[in-house]
Amino acid sequence: MPDEITISFAGPFSWAGTPDAPCVRDTDVVCKAGIYLWTVPLTDGHLVYYVGETGRSFSIRLRQHYEELAAAR
């Protein structure tokens, strides 16, 4: 029998907080590790444009993303 993996998702969250998506830094999720999806809203749902995975906390990984984006400017 194959192993079974249960996945749960939380969100949506935003980087800075918006009326429809709280800031990820203000949630308990930020202390966890796991898989994350970056999406853009569309009329009939969300389009996934990036999938990431981290063994560290989301806080550390998202800070790295931010630093990479800021350095590219």
PDB file of N, CA and C in Angstrom:
ATOM      1  N   MET A   1       0.848  -1.175   0.000  1.00  0.00           N
ATOM      2  CA  MET A   1       0.000   0.000   0.000  1.00  0.00           C
ATOM      3  C   MET A   1       0.900   1.246   0.000  1.00  0.00           C
ATOM      4  N   PRO A   2       0.636   2.209  -0.874  1.00  0.00           N
ATOM      5  CA  PRO A   2       1.473   3.415  -0.926  1.00  0.00           C
ATOM      6  C   PRO A   2       1.305   4.268   0.332  1.00  0.00           C
ATOM      7  N   ASP A   3       2.385   4.977   0.667  1.00  0.00           N
ATOM      8  CA  ASP A   3       2.307   5.920   1.779  1.00  0.00           C
ATOM      9  C   ASP A   3       1.355   7.051   1.412  1.00  0.00           C
ATOM     10  N   GLU A   4       0.723   7.590   2.404  1.00  0.00           N
ATOM     11  CA  GLU A   4      -0.215   8.685   2.186  1.00  0.00           C
ATOM     12  C   GLU A   4       0.329   9.943   2.839  1.00  0.00           C
ATOM     13  N   ILE A   5       0.227  11.050   2.143  1.00  0.00           N
ATOM     14  CA  ILE A   5       0.669  12.335   2.662  1.00  0.00           C
ATOM     15  C   ILE A   5      -0.535  13.256   2.733  1.00  0.00           C
ATOM     16  N   THR A   6      -0.728  13.858   3.877  1.00  0.00           N
ATOM     17  CA  THR A   6      -1.808  14.825   4.046  1.00  0.00           C
ATOM     18  C   THR A   6      -1.210  16.221   4.000  1.00  0.00           C
ATOM     19  N   ILE A   7      -1.785  17.071   3.167  1.00  0.00           N
ATOM     20  CA  ILE A   7      -1.308  18.440   3.029  1.00  0.00           C
ATOM     21  C   ILE A   7      -2.435  19.385   3.412  1.00  0.00           C
ATOM     22  N   SER A   8      -2.089  20.372   4.207  1.00  0.00           N
ATOM     23  CA  SER A   8      -3.074  21.410   4.534  1.00  0.00           C
ATOM     24  C   SER A   8      -2.486  22.762   4.167  1.00  0.00           C
ATOM     25  N   PHE A   9      -3.340  23.639   3.712  1.00  0.00           N
ATOM     26  CA  PHE A   9      -2.915  24.977   3.316  1.00  0.00           C
ATOM     27  C   PHE A   9      -3.576  26.007   4.211  1.00  0.00           C
ATOM     28  N   ALA A  10      -2.887  27.110   4.424  1.00  0.00           N
ATOM     29  CA  ALA A  10      -3.433  28.253   5.153  1.00  0.00           C
ATOM     30  C   ALA A  10      -3.302  29.460   4.243  1.00  0.00           C
ATOM     31  N   GLY A  11      -4.135  30.429   4.433  1.00  0.00           N
ATOM     32  CA  GLY A  11      -4.020  31.632   3.619  1.00  0.00           C
ATOM     33  C   GLY A  11      -5.312  31.908   2.883  1.00  0.00           C
ATOM     34  N   PRO A  12      -5.316  32.863   2.045  1.00  0.00           N
ATOM     35  CA  PRO A  12      -4.162  33.557   1.481  1.00  0.00           C
ATOM     36  C   PRO A  12      -3.600  34.615   2.429  1.00  0.00           C
ATOM     37  N   PHE A  13      -2.328  34.900   2.242  1.00  0.00           N
ATOM     38  CA  PHE A  13      -1.630  35.938   2.967  1.00  0.00           C
ATOM     39  C   PHE A  13      -0.965  36.857   1.952  1.00  0.00           C
ATOM     40  N   SER A  14      -0.559  38.008   2.416  1.00  0.00           N
ATOM     41  CA  SER A  14       0.170  38.939   1.548  1.00  0.00           C
ATOM     42  C   SER A  14       1.453  39.351   2.250  1.00  0.00           C
ATOM     43  N   TRP A  15       2.312  40.045   1.521  1.00  0.00           N
ATOM     44  CA  TRP A  15       3.565  40.524   2.111  1.00  0.00           C
ATOM     45  C   TRP A  15       3.294  41.643   3.102  1.00  0.00           C
ATOM     46  N   ALA A  16       2.456  42.586   2.714  1.00  0.00           N
ATOM     47  CA  ALA A  16       2.263  43.789   3.536  1.00  0.00           C
ATOM     48  C   ALA A  16       0.883  43.873   4.169  1.00  0.00           C
ATOM     49  N   GLY A  17       0.003  42.974   3.854  1.00  0.00           N
ATOM     50  CA  GLY A  17      -1.356  43.027   4.377  1.00  0.00           C
ATOM     51  C   GLY A  17      -2.257  43.848   3.463  1.00  0.00           C
ATOM     52  N   THR A  18      -3.375  43.295   3.137  1.00  0.00           N
ATOM     53  CA  THR A  18      -4.372  43.961   2.313  1.00  0.00           C
ATOM     54  C   THR A  18      -5.733  43.694   2.941  1.00  0.00           C
ATOM     55  N   PRO A  19      -6.773  44.394   2.503  1.00  0.00           N
ATOM     56  CA  PRO A  19      -8.096  44.160   3.105  1.00  0.00           C
ATOM     57  C   PRO A  19      -8.564  42.707   3.009  1.00  0.00           C
ATOM     58  N   ASP A  20      -8.169  41.992   1.952  1.00  0.00           N
ATOM     59  CA  ASP A  20      -8.639  40.611   1.782  1.00  0.00           C
ATOM     60  C   ASP A  20      -7.582  39.555   2.096  1.00  0.00           C
ATOM     61  N   ALA A  21      -6.372  39.960   2.495  1.00  0.00           N
ATOM     62  CA  ALA A  21      -5.321  38.991   2.805  1.00  0.00           C
ATOM     63  C   ALA A  21      -4.376  39.586   3.853  1.00  0.00           C
ATOM     64  N   PRO A  22      -4.409  39.069   5.075  1.00  0.00           N
ATOM     65  CA  PRO A  22      -3.551  39.615   6.122  1.00  0.00           C
ATOM     66  C   PRO A  22      -2.067  39.381   5.822  1.00  0.00           C
ATOM     67  N   CYS A  23      -1.236  40.157   6.461  1.00  0.00           N
ATOM     68  CA  CYS A  23       0.212  40.028   6.304  1.00  0.00           C
ATOM     69  C   CYS A  23       0.674  38.704   6.906  1.00  0.00           C
ATOM     70  N   VAL A  24       1.463  37.957   6.173  1.00  0.00           N
ATOM     71  CA  VAL A  24       1.946  36.659   6.643  1.00  0.00           C
ATOM     72  C   VAL A  24       2.764  36.800   7.919  1.00  0.00           C
ATOM     73  N   ARG A  25       3.443  37.927   8.111  1.00  0.00           N
ATOM     74  CA  ARG A  25       4.254  38.135   9.321  1.00  0.00           C
ATOM     75  C   ARG A  25       3.395  38.245  10.577  1.00  0.00           C
ATOM     76  N   ASP A  26       2.100  38.506  10.415  1.00  0.00           N
ATOM     77  CA  ASP A  26       1.196  38.650  11.558  1.00  0.00           C
ATOM     78  C   ASP A  26       0.471  37.349  11.904  1.00  0.00           C
ATOM     79  N   THR A  27       0.920  36.224  11.368  1.00  0.00           N
ATOM     80  CA  THR A  27       0.251  34.944  11.593  1.00  0.00           C
ATOM     81  C   THR A  27       1.188  33.953  12.269  1.00  0.00           C
ATOM     82  N   ASP A  28       0.630  32.901  12.838  1.00  0.00           N
ATOM     83  CA  ASP A  28       1.436  31.837  13.443  1.00  0.00           C
ATOM     84  C   ASP A  28       2.166  31.013  12.386  1.00  0.00           C
ATOM     85  N   VAL A  29       1.661  31.023  11.174  1.00  0.00           N
ATOM     86  CA  VAL A  29       2.245  30.250  10.080  1.00  0.00           C
ATOM     87  C   VAL A  29       3.690  30.656   9.821  1.00  0.00           C
ATOM     88  N   VAL A  30       4.024  31.906  10.076  1.00  0.00           N
ATOM     89  CA  VAL A  30       5.344  32.436   9.757  1.00  0.00           C
ATOM     90  C   VAL A  30       6.458  31.683  10.502  1.00  0.00           C
ATOM     91  N   CYS A  31       6.141  31.005  11.581  1.00  0.00           N
ATOM     92  CA  CYS A  31       7.144  30.264  12.357  1.00  0.00           C
ATOM     93  C   CYS A  31       7.338  28.835  11.862  1.00  0.00           C
ATOM     94  N   LYS A  32       6.542  28.404  10.904  1.00  0.00           N
ATOM     95  CA  LYS A  32       6.585  27.023  10.425  1.00  0.00           C
ATOM     96  C   LYS A  32       7.421  26.897   9.160  1.00  0.00           C
ATOM     97  N   ALA A  33       7.697  25.682   8.782  1.00  0.00           N
ATOM     98  CA  ALA A  33       8.384  25.356   7.535  1.00  0.00           C
ATOM     99  C   ALA A  33       7.409  24.613   6.640  1.00  0.00           C
ATOM    100  N   GLY A  34       7.713  24.557   5.333  1.00  0.00           N
ATOM    101  CA  GLY A  34       6.843  23.799   4.447  1.00  0.00           C
ATOM    102  C   GLY A  34       6.865  24.306   3.027  1.00  0.00           C
ATOM    103  N   ILE A  35       5.782  24.045   2.329  1.00  0.00           N
ATOM    104  CA  ILE A  35       5.618  24.417   0.923  1.00  0.00           C
ATOM    105  C   ILE A  35       4.766  25.685   0.870  1.00  0.00           C
ATOM    106  N   TYR A  36       5.122  26.586  -0.047  1.00  0.00           N
ATOM    107  CA  TYR A  36       4.324  27.804  -0.200  1.00  0.00           C
ATOM    108  C   TYR A  36       4.101  28.091  -1.673  1.00  0.00           C
ATOM    109  N   LEU A  37       2.988  28.733  -1.967  1.00  0.00           N
ATOM    110  CA  LEU A  37       2.602  29.063  -3.336  1.00  0.00           C
ATOM    111  C   LEU A  37       2.461  30.571  -3.448  1.00  0.00           C
ATOM    112  N   TRP A  38       2.996  31.135  -4.507  1.00  0.00           N
ATOM    113  CA  TRP A  38       2.749  32.539  -4.818  1.00  0.00           C
ATOM    114  C   TRP A  38       1.744  32.547  -5.952  1.00  0.00           C
ATOM    115  N   THR A  39       0.706  33.355  -5.804  1.00  0.00           N
ATOM    116  CA  THR A  39      -0.364  33.386  -6.804  1.00  0.00           C
ATOM    117  C   THR A  39      -0.711  34.819  -7.168  1.00  0.00           C
ATOM    118  N   VAL A  40      -1.406  34.936  -8.274  1.00  0.00           N
ATOM    119  CA  VAL A  40      -2.010  36.208  -8.663  1.00  0.00           C
ATOM    120  C   VAL A  40      -3.501  35.962  -8.814  1.00  0.00           C
ATOM    121  N   PRO A  41      -4.325  36.899  -8.334  1.00  0.00           N
ATOM    122  CA  PRO A  41      -5.769  36.702  -8.440  1.00  0.00           C
ATOM    123  C   PRO A  41      -6.244  36.883  -9.880  1.00  0.00           C
ATOM    124  N   LEU A  42      -7.149  36.017 -10.271  1.00  0.00           N
ATOM    125  CA  LEU A  42      -7.815  36.106 -11.565  1.00  0.00           C
ATOM    126  C   LEU A  42      -9.319  36.176 -11.313  1.00  0.00           C
ATOM    127  N   THR A  43     -10.078  36.409 -12.325  1.00  0.00           N
ATOM    128  CA  THR A  43     -11.526  36.513 -12.188  1.00  0.00           C
ATOM    129  C   THR A  43     -12.141  35.256 -11.587  1.00  0.00           C
ATOM    130  N   ASP A  44     -11.649  34.092 -11.997  1.00  0.00           N
ATOM    131  CA  ASP A  44     -12.257  32.835 -11.551  1.00  0.00           C
ATOM    132  C   ASP A  44     -11.374  32.033 -10.594  1.00  0.00           C
ATOM    133  N   GLY A  45     -10.431  32.673  -9.921  1.00  0.00           N
ATOM    134  CA  GLY A  45      -9.577  31.971  -8.960  1.00  0.00           C
ATOM    135  C   GLY A  45      -8.207  32.611  -8.878  1.00  0.00           C
ATOM    136  N   HIS A  46      -7.211  31.797  -8.593  1.00  0.00           N
ATOM    137  CA  HIS A  46      -5.837  32.271  -8.491  1.00  0.00           C
ATOM    138  C   HIS A  46      -4.934  31.444  -9.400  1.00  0.00           C
ATOM    139  N   LEU A  47      -3.953  32.115 -10.000  1.00  0.00           N
ATOM    140  CA  LEU A  47      -2.961  31.459 -10.834  1.00  0.00           C
ATOM    141  C   LEU A  47      -1.679  31.304 -10.030  1.00  0.00           C
ATOM    142  N   VAL A  48      -1.195  30.068  -9.889  1.00  0.00           N
ATOM    143  CA  VAL A  48       0.062  29.809  -9.188  1.00  0.00           C
ATOM    144  C   VAL A  48       1.204  30.115 -10.152  1.00  0.00           C
ATOM    145  N   TYR A  49       2.114  31.014  -9.735  1.00  0.00           N
ATOM    146  CA  TYR A  49       3.257  31.325 -10.589  1.00  0.00           C
ATOM    147  C   TYR A  49       4.585  30.996  -9.930  1.00  0.00           C
ATOM    148  N   TYR A  50       4.580  30.563  -8.683  1.00  0.00           N
ATOM    149  CA  TYR A  50       5.818  30.162  -8.014  1.00  0.00           C
ATOM    150  C   TYR A  50       5.466  29.179  -6.914  1.00  0.00           C
ATOM    151  N   VAL A  51       6.237  28.115  -6.819  1.00  0.00           N
ATOM    152  CA  VAL A  51       6.094  27.138  -5.745  1.00  0.00           C
ATOM    153  C   VAL A  51       7.440  27.048  -5.046  1.00  0.00           C
ATOM    154  N   GLY A  52       7.424  27.202  -3.731  1.00  0.00           N
ATOM    155  CA  GLY A  52       8.651  27.131  -2.963  1.00  0.00           C
ATOM    156  C   GLY A  52       8.529  26.131  -1.831  1.00  0.00           C
ATOM    157  N   GLU A  53       9.684  25.744  -1.295  1.00  0.00           N
ATOM    158  CA  GLU A  53       9.739  24.819  -0.172  1.00  0.00           C
ATOM    159  C   GLU A  53      10.870  25.274   0.724  1.00  0.00           C
ATOM    160  N   THR A  54      10.634  25.231   2.017  1.00  0.00           N
ATOM    161  CA  THR A  54      11.682  25.594   2.962  1.00  0.00           C
ATOM    162  C   THR A  54      11.659  24.671   4.168  1.00  0.00           C
ATOM    163  N   GLY A  55      12.835  24.305   4.621  1.00  0.00           N
ATOM    164  CA  GLY A  55      12.978  23.544   5.854  1.00  0.00           C
ATOM    165  C   GLY A  55      13.166  24.471   7.046  1.00  0.00           C
ATOM    166  N   ARG A  56      13.401  25.744   6.752  1.00  0.00           N
ATOM    167  CA  ARG A  56      13.499  26.759   7.798  1.00  0.00           C
ATOM    168  C   ARG A  56      12.124  27.394   7.969  1.00  0.00           C
ATOM    169  N   SER A  57      12.028  28.414   8.774  1.00  0.00           N
ATOM    170  CA  SER A  57      10.728  29.074   8.952  1.00  0.00           C
ATOM    171  C   SER A  57      10.387  29.886   7.706  1.00  0.00           C
ATOM    172  N   PHE A  58       9.101  30.084   7.492  1.00  0.00           N
ATOM    173  CA  PHE A  58       8.666  30.943   6.393  1.00  0.00           C
ATOM    174  C   PHE A  58       9.218  32.353   6.579  1.00  0.00           C
ATOM    175  N   SER A  59       9.338  32.782   7.822  1.00  0.00           N
ATOM    176  CA  SER A  59       9.873  34.111   8.095  1.00  0.00           C
ATOM    177  C   SER A  59      11.268  34.275   7.504  1.00  0.00           C
ATOM    178  N   ILE A  60      12.139  33.315   7.743  1.00  0.00           N
ATOM    179  CA  ILE A  60      13.511  33.382   7.214  1.00  0.00           C
ATOM    180  C   ILE A  60      13.503  33.320   5.698  1.00  0.00           C
ATOM    181  N   ARG A  61      12.734  32.391   5.138  1.00  0.00           N
ATOM    182  CA  ARG A  61      12.735  32.221   3.684  1.00  0.00           C
ATOM    183  C   ARG A  61      12.137  33.432   2.971  1.00  0.00           C
ATOM    184  N   LEU A  62      11.056  33.975   3.484  1.00  0.00           N
ATOM    185  CA  LEU A  62      10.446  35.135   2.844  1.00  0.00           C
ATOM    186  C   LEU A  62      11.351  36.360   2.946  1.00  0.00           C
ATOM    187  N   ARG A  63      12.090  36.482   4.047  1.00  0.00           N
ATOM    188  CA  ARG A  63      13.052  37.576   4.165  1.00  0.00           C
ATOM    189  C   ARG A  63      14.143  37.436   3.097  1.00  0.00           C
ATOM    190  N   GLN A  64      14.577  36.201   2.846  1.00  0.00           N
ATOM    191  CA  GLN A  64      15.565  35.969   1.778  1.00  0.00           C
ATOM    192  C   GLN A  64      15.005  36.376   0.421  1.00  0.00           C
ATOM    193  N   HIS A  65      13.774  36.016   0.139  1.00  0.00           N
ATOM    194  CA  HIS A  65      13.144  36.432  -1.115  1.00  0.00           C
ATOM    195  C   HIS A  65      13.138  37.949  -1.231  1.00  0.00           C
ATOM    196  N   TYR A  66      12.756  38.615  -0.154  1.00  0.00           N
ATOM    197  CA  TYR A  66      12.696  40.073  -0.171  1.00  0.00           C
ATOM    198  C   TYR A  66      14.080  40.668  -0.430  1.00  0.00           C
ATOM    199  N   GLU A  67      15.098  40.160   0.247  1.00  0.00           N
ATOM    200  CA  GLU A  67      16.458  40.668   0.057  1.00  0.00           C
ATOM    201  C   GLU A  67      16.938  40.453  -1.374  1.00  0.00           C
ATOM    202  N   GLU A  68      16.602  39.315  -1.976  1.00  0.00           N
ATOM    203  CA  GLU A  68      16.976  39.053  -3.380  1.00  0.00           C
ATOM    204  C   GLU A  68      16.271  40.020  -4.320  1.00  0.00           C
ATOM    205  N   LEU A  69      15.001  40.281  -4.073  1.00  0.00           N
ATOM    206  CA  LEU A  69      14.255  41.216  -4.894  1.00  0.00           C
ATOM    207  C   LEU A  69      14.815  42.643  -4.770  1.00  0.00           C
ATOM    208  N   ALA A  70      15.132  43.049  -3.543  1.00  0.00           N
ATOM    209  CA  ALA A  70      15.658  44.394  -3.304  1.00  0.00           C
ATOM    210  C   ALA A  70      17.039  44.559  -3.924  1.00  0.00           C
ATOM    211  N   ALA A  71      17.852  43.512  -3.912  1.00  0.00           N
ATOM    212  CA  ALA A  71      19.202  43.579  -4.482  1.00  0.00           C
ATOM    213  C   ALA A  71      19.176  43.648  -6.001  1.00  0.00           C
ATOM    214  N   ALA A  72      18.105  43.149  -6.606  1.00  0.00           N
ATOM    215  CA  ALA A  72      18.002  43.112  -8.070  1.00  0.00           C
ATOM    216  C   ALA A  72      17.617  44.471  -8.648  1.00  0.00           C
ATOM    217  N   ARG A  73      17.266  45.413  -7.823  1.00  0.00           N
ATOM    218  CA  ARG A  73      16.818  46.723  -8.322  1.00  0.00           C
ATOM    219  C   ARG A  73      17.957  47.622  -8.594  1.00  0.00           C
TER     220      ARG A  73
END
